[in-house]
Amino acid sequence: MTPVAILAVFCATMAAIAVWRLATDDRRDRVDVGSALTVVGITVLAALWAALEEGWLTSIGRGTLGVLGACLVGAGVVLMVRYWDDPPEPNCS
């Protein structure tokens, strides 16, 4: 396994943890959603890097991974920056 593939596996593990914590947390906010999107986007970009190193996908597949990863990271960063200073929503339960 190449170092890039190991990085992609590590990122996938971190993305799974981020999504799991987002799904199970009762007090999540938009910053949490943004950070999870960013981690998932970084995972997609790491998979793109591994695909480039190993020659796994066609150019269309690589382009799709690149655009998807960039969009996820961009959306996550926008959510984190936009809602960083917003007060947390009150817990209604």
N, C-alpha and C. Protein backbone atom coordinates (compact mmCIF):
# COMPACT_ATOMS: atom_id res chain seq x y z
N MET A 1 0.85 -1.17 0.00
CA MET A 1 0.00 0.00 0.00
C MET A 1 0.90 1.23 0.00
N THR A 2 0.62 2.13 -0.90
CA THR A 2 1.44 3.34 -1.02
C THR A 2 1.10 4.31 0.10
N PRO A 3 2.00 5.25 0.39
CA PRO A 3 1.71 6.24 1.43
C PRO A 3 0.46 7.08 1.13
N VAL A 4 0.21 7.33 -0.14
CA VAL A 4 -0.99 8.11 -0.49
C VAL A 4 -2.25 7.32 -0.19
N ALA A 5 -2.23 6.03 -0.44
CA ALA A 5 -3.39 5.19 -0.12
C ALA A 5 -3.59 5.11 1.39
N ILE A 6 -2.50 5.06 2.15
CA ILE A 6 -2.62 5.06 3.61
C ILE A 6 -3.23 6.37 4.08
N LEU A 7 -2.84 7.48 3.47
CA LEU A 7 -3.43 8.78 3.80
C LEU A 7 -4.92 8.79 3.49
N ALA A 8 -5.31 8.22 2.36
CA ALA A 8 -6.73 8.18 1.99
C ALA A 8 -7.53 7.33 2.98
N VAL A 9 -6.95 6.23 3.44
CA VAL A 9 -7.64 5.39 4.43
C VAL A 9 -7.77 6.14 5.76
N PHE A 10 -6.71 6.84 6.16
CA PHE A 10 -6.77 7.63 7.39
C PHE A 10 -7.84 8.71 7.28
N CYS A 11 -7.88 9.40 6.15
CA CYS A 11 -8.89 10.45 5.96
C CYS A 11 -10.30 9.86 5.97
N ALA A 12 -10.47 8.69 5.37
CA ALA A 12 -11.79 8.04 5.37
C ALA A 12 -12.21 7.68 6.79
N THR A 13 -11.27 7.26 7.61
CA THR A 13 -11.57 6.95 9.01
C THR A 13 -12.01 8.21 9.75
N MET A 14 -11.28 9.29 9.54
CA MET A 14 -11.63 10.55 10.19
C MET A 14 -12.98 11.08 9.70
N ALA A 15 -13.27 10.89 8.41
CA ALA A 15 -14.56 11.31 7.87
C ALA A 15 -15.70 10.50 8.48
N ALA A 16 -15.48 9.20 8.64
CA ALA A 16 -16.51 8.36 9.25
C ALA A 16 -16.77 8.78 10.69
N ILE A 17 -15.71 9.10 11.42
CA ILE A 17 -15.88 9.58 12.80
C ILE A 17 -16.63 10.90 12.82
N ALA A 18 -16.29 11.83 11.92
CA ALA A 18 -16.96 13.14 11.88
C ALA A 18 -18.44 13.00 11.56
N VAL A 19 -18.76 12.17 10.59
CA VAL A 19 -20.16 11.98 10.22
C VAL A 19 -20.92 11.27 11.34
N TRP A 20 -20.29 10.29 11.98
CA TRP A 20 -20.93 9.59 13.10
C TRP A 20 -21.23 10.55 14.24
N ARG A 21 -20.26 11.38 14.59
CA ARG A 21 -20.47 12.33 15.69
C ARG A 21 -21.54 13.35 15.32
N LEU A 22 -21.58 13.75 14.06
CA LEU A 22 -22.60 14.69 13.61
C LEU A 22 -23.99 14.06 13.70
N ALA A 23 -24.08 12.80 13.34
CA ALA A 23 -25.37 12.12 13.35
C ALA A 23 -25.87 11.82 14.76
N THR A 24 -24.96 11.63 15.70
CA THR A 24 -25.39 11.23 17.04
C THR A 24 -25.41 12.38 18.04
N ASP A 25 -24.93 13.55 17.68
CA ASP A 25 -24.87 14.67 18.62
C ASP A 25 -26.20 15.41 18.64
N ASP A 26 -26.73 15.65 19.82
CA ASP A 26 -27.99 16.38 19.95
C ASP A 26 -27.79 17.89 19.86
N ARG A 27 -26.58 18.36 20.12
CA ARG A 27 -26.33 19.81 20.15
C ARG A 27 -25.46 20.27 18.98
N ARG A 28 -25.66 19.71 17.81
CA ARG A 28 -24.85 20.10 16.66
C ARG A 28 -25.34 21.44 16.11
N ASP A 29 -24.42 22.14 15.46
CA ASP A 29 -24.78 23.40 14.83
C ASP A 29 -24.18 23.42 13.43
N ARG A 30 -24.30 24.56 12.76
CA ARG A 30 -23.83 24.65 11.37
C ARG A 30 -22.32 24.55 11.26
N VAL A 31 -21.60 24.95 12.28
CA VAL A 31 -20.14 24.82 12.26
C VAL A 31 -19.75 23.35 12.28
N ASP A 32 -20.48 22.54 13.03
CA ASP A 32 -20.23 21.09 13.04
C ASP A 32 -20.49 20.47 11.67
N VAL A 33 -21.55 20.92 11.02
CA VAL A 33 -21.85 20.44 9.67
C VAL A 33 -20.74 20.86 8.71
N GLY A 34 -20.28 22.10 8.84
CA GLY A 34 -19.20 22.58 7.98
C GLY A 34 -17.91 21.82 8.18
N SER A 35 -17.58 21.50 9.41
CA SER A 35 -16.34 20.76 9.65
C SER A 35 -16.46 19.32 9.12
N ALA A 36 -17.64 18.72 9.24
CA ALA A 36 -17.83 17.38 8.68
C ALA A 36 -17.73 17.41 7.16
N LEU A 37 -18.31 18.41 6.53
CA LEU A 37 -18.20 18.54 5.08
C LEU A 37 -16.75 18.72 4.64
N THR A 38 -16.01 19.51 5.40
CA THR A 38 -14.60 19.74 5.06
C THR A 38 -13.80 18.45 5.17
N VAL A 39 -14.02 17.68 6.21
CA VAL A 39 -13.29 16.42 6.38
C VAL A 39 -13.65 15.44 5.27
N VAL A 40 -14.92 15.35 4.91
CA VAL A 40 -15.33 14.46 3.82
C VAL A 40 -14.72 14.93 2.50
N GLY A 41 -14.69 16.24 2.28
CA GLY A 41 -14.08 16.77 1.06
C GLY A 41 -12.60 16.48 0.98
N ILE A 42 -11.90 16.60 2.09
CA ILE A 42 -10.47 16.27 2.12
C ILE A 42 -10.27 14.78 1.83
N THR A 43 -11.18 13.95 2.32
CA THR A 43 -11.10 12.53 2.03
C THR A 43 -11.26 12.26 0.54
N VAL A 44 -12.19 12.94 -0.09
CA VAL A 44 -12.39 12.78 -1.54
C VAL A 44 -11.14 13.23 -2.30
N LEU A 45 -10.55 14.34 -1.87
CA LEU A 45 -9.33 14.82 -2.53
C LEU A 45 -8.15 13.87 -2.30
N ALA A 46 -8.07 13.26 -1.13
CA ALA A 46 -7.03 12.25 -0.88
C ALA A 46 -7.25 11.03 -1.76
N ALA A 47 -8.51 10.64 -1.97
CA ALA A 47 -8.81 9.53 -2.87
C ALA A 47 -8.45 9.90 -4.31
N LEU A 48 -8.65 11.16 -4.68
CA LEU A 48 -8.24 11.63 -6.00
C LEU A 48 -6.73 11.52 -6.16
N TRP A 49 -6.00 11.92 -5.15
CA TRP A 49 -4.55 11.83 -5.19
C TRP A 49 -4.09 10.38 -5.35
N ALA A 50 -4.73 9.48 -4.59
CA ALA A 50 -4.40 8.06 -4.72
C ALA A 50 -4.74 7.55 -6.11
N ALA A 51 -5.86 8.00 -6.67
CA ALA A 51 -6.24 7.58 -8.01
C ALA A 51 -5.25 8.09 -9.05
N LEU A 52 -4.75 9.29 -8.85
CA LEU A 52 -3.74 9.83 -9.76
C LEU A 52 -2.44 9.04 -9.67
N GLU A 53 -2.03 8.69 -8.47
CA GLU A 53 -0.78 7.94 -8.27
C GLU A 53 -0.87 6.53 -8.84
N GLU A 54 -2.03 5.90 -8.68
CA GLU A 54 -2.19 4.50 -9.07
C GLU A 54 -2.79 4.32 -10.46
N GLY A 55 -3.33 5.39 -11.04
CA GLY A 55 -3.95 5.28 -12.35
C GLY A 55 -5.25 4.49 -12.33
N TRP A 56 -6.05 4.67 -11.27
CA TRP A 56 -7.26 3.88 -11.10
C TRP A 56 -8.42 4.32 -11.98
N LEU A 57 -8.59 5.60 -12.19
CA LEU A 57 -9.79 6.10 -12.85
C LEU A 57 -9.47 6.74 -14.19
N THR A 58 -10.51 6.92 -14.98
CA THR A 58 -10.37 7.66 -16.22
C THR A 58 -10.30 9.15 -15.90
N SER A 59 -10.04 9.93 -16.91
CA SER A 59 -9.95 11.38 -16.68
C SER A 59 -11.30 11.97 -16.24
N ILE A 60 -12.38 11.39 -16.70
CA ILE A 60 -13.70 11.87 -16.27
C ILE A 60 -13.91 11.57 -14.79
N GLY A 61 -13.54 10.39 -14.36
CA GLY A 61 -13.65 10.03 -12.94
C GLY A 61 -12.77 10.89 -12.07
N ARG A 62 -11.56 11.16 -12.52
CA ARG A 62 -10.66 12.03 -11.75
C ARG A 62 -11.21 13.44 -11.67
N GLY A 63 -11.73 13.93 -12.78
CA GLY A 63 -12.33 15.27 -12.77
C GLY A 63 -13.53 15.36 -11.85
N THR A 64 -14.34 14.31 -11.86
CA THR A 64 -15.50 14.28 -10.98
C THR A 64 -15.08 14.29 -9.52
N LEU A 65 -14.08 13.48 -9.17
CA LEU A 65 -13.58 13.47 -7.79
C LEU A 65 -13.01 14.83 -7.41
N GLY A 66 -12.28 15.45 -8.32
CA GLY A 66 -11.70 16.76 -8.03
C GLY A 66 -12.75 17.82 -7.78
N VAL A 67 -13.75 17.87 -8.65
CA VAL A 67 -14.82 18.87 -8.49
C VAL A 67 -15.64 18.59 -7.24
N LEU A 68 -15.97 17.33 -7.00
CA LEU A 68 -16.74 16.97 -5.80
C LEU A 68 -15.98 17.33 -4.53
N GLY A 69 -14.70 16.97 -4.48
CA GLY A 69 -13.89 17.29 -3.30
C GLY A 69 -13.76 18.77 -3.07
N ALA A 70 -13.51 19.52 -4.14
CA ALA A 70 -13.38 20.98 -4.00
C ALA A 70 -14.69 21.62 -3.55
N CYS A 71 -15.80 21.15 -4.08
CA CYS A 71 -17.10 21.70 -3.68
C CYS A 71 -17.41 21.39 -2.22
N LEU A 72 -17.12 20.17 -1.78
CA LEU A 72 -17.37 19.82 -0.38
C LEU A 72 -16.51 20.63 0.57
N VAL A 73 -15.23 20.77 0.25
CA VAL A 73 -14.34 21.57 1.10
C VAL A 73 -14.80 23.02 1.09
N GLY A 74 -15.13 23.55 -0.08
CA GLY A 74 -15.58 24.94 -0.17
C GLY A 74 -16.86 25.18 0.62
N ALA A 75 -17.82 24.28 0.49
CA ALA A 75 -19.08 24.44 1.24
C ALA A 75 -18.83 24.34 2.74
N GLY A 76 -17.97 23.43 3.14
CA GLY A 76 -17.67 23.29 4.57
C GLY A 76 -16.99 24.53 5.14
N VAL A 77 -16.04 25.07 4.40
CA VAL A 77 -15.35 26.27 4.88
C VAL A 77 -16.31 27.45 4.93
N VAL A 78 -17.17 27.58 3.94
CA VAL A 78 -18.14 28.68 3.95
C VAL A 78 -19.06 28.57 5.16
N LEU A 79 -19.54 27.37 5.45
CA LEU A 79 -20.41 27.19 6.62
C LEU A 79 -19.68 27.54 7.92
N MET A 80 -18.43 27.09 8.04
CA MET A 80 -17.69 27.37 9.27
C MET A 80 -17.43 28.87 9.43
N VAL A 81 -17.03 29.52 8.36
CA VAL A 81 -16.71 30.95 8.45
C VAL A 81 -17.98 31.77 8.69
N ARG A 82 -19.05 31.43 7.98
CA ARG A 82 -20.28 32.22 8.09
C ARG A 82 -20.92 32.12 9.48
N TYR A 83 -20.92 30.93 10.07
CA TYR A 83 -21.66 30.72 11.31
C TYR A 83 -20.76 30.57 12.53
N TRP A 84 -19.51 30.95 12.43
CA TRP A 84 -18.57 30.76 13.54
C TRP A 84 -18.99 31.53 14.79
N ASP A 85 -19.45 32.77 14.64
CA ASP A 85 -19.79 33.61 15.79
C ASP A 85 -21.25 33.57 16.18
N ASP A 86 -22.07 32.79 15.49
CA ASP A 86 -23.48 32.71 15.85
C ASP A 86 -23.63 31.98 17.18
N PRO A 87 -24.52 32.46 18.02
CA PRO A 87 -24.75 31.74 19.29
C PRO A 87 -25.41 30.40 19.01
N PRO A 88 -25.13 29.41 19.84
CA PRO A 88 -25.75 28.09 19.61
C PRO A 88 -27.26 28.18 19.81
N GLU A 89 -27.96 27.35 19.05
CA GLU A 89 -29.42 27.33 19.17
C GLU A 89 -29.80 26.70 20.49
N PRO A 90 -30.83 27.23 21.15
CA PRO A 90 -31.25 26.64 22.44
C PRO A 90 -31.77 25.22 22.25
N ASN A 91 -31.50 24.41 23.24
CA ASN A 91 -31.97 23.03 23.22
C ASN A 91 -33.42 23.01 23.71
N CYS A 92 -34.33 22.61 22.84
CA CYS A 92 -35.76 22.67 23.15
C CYS A 92 -36.25 21.45 23.95
N SER A 93 -35.43 20.48 24.16
CA SER A 93 -35.92 19.29 24.86
C SER A 93 -35.74 19.36 26.34
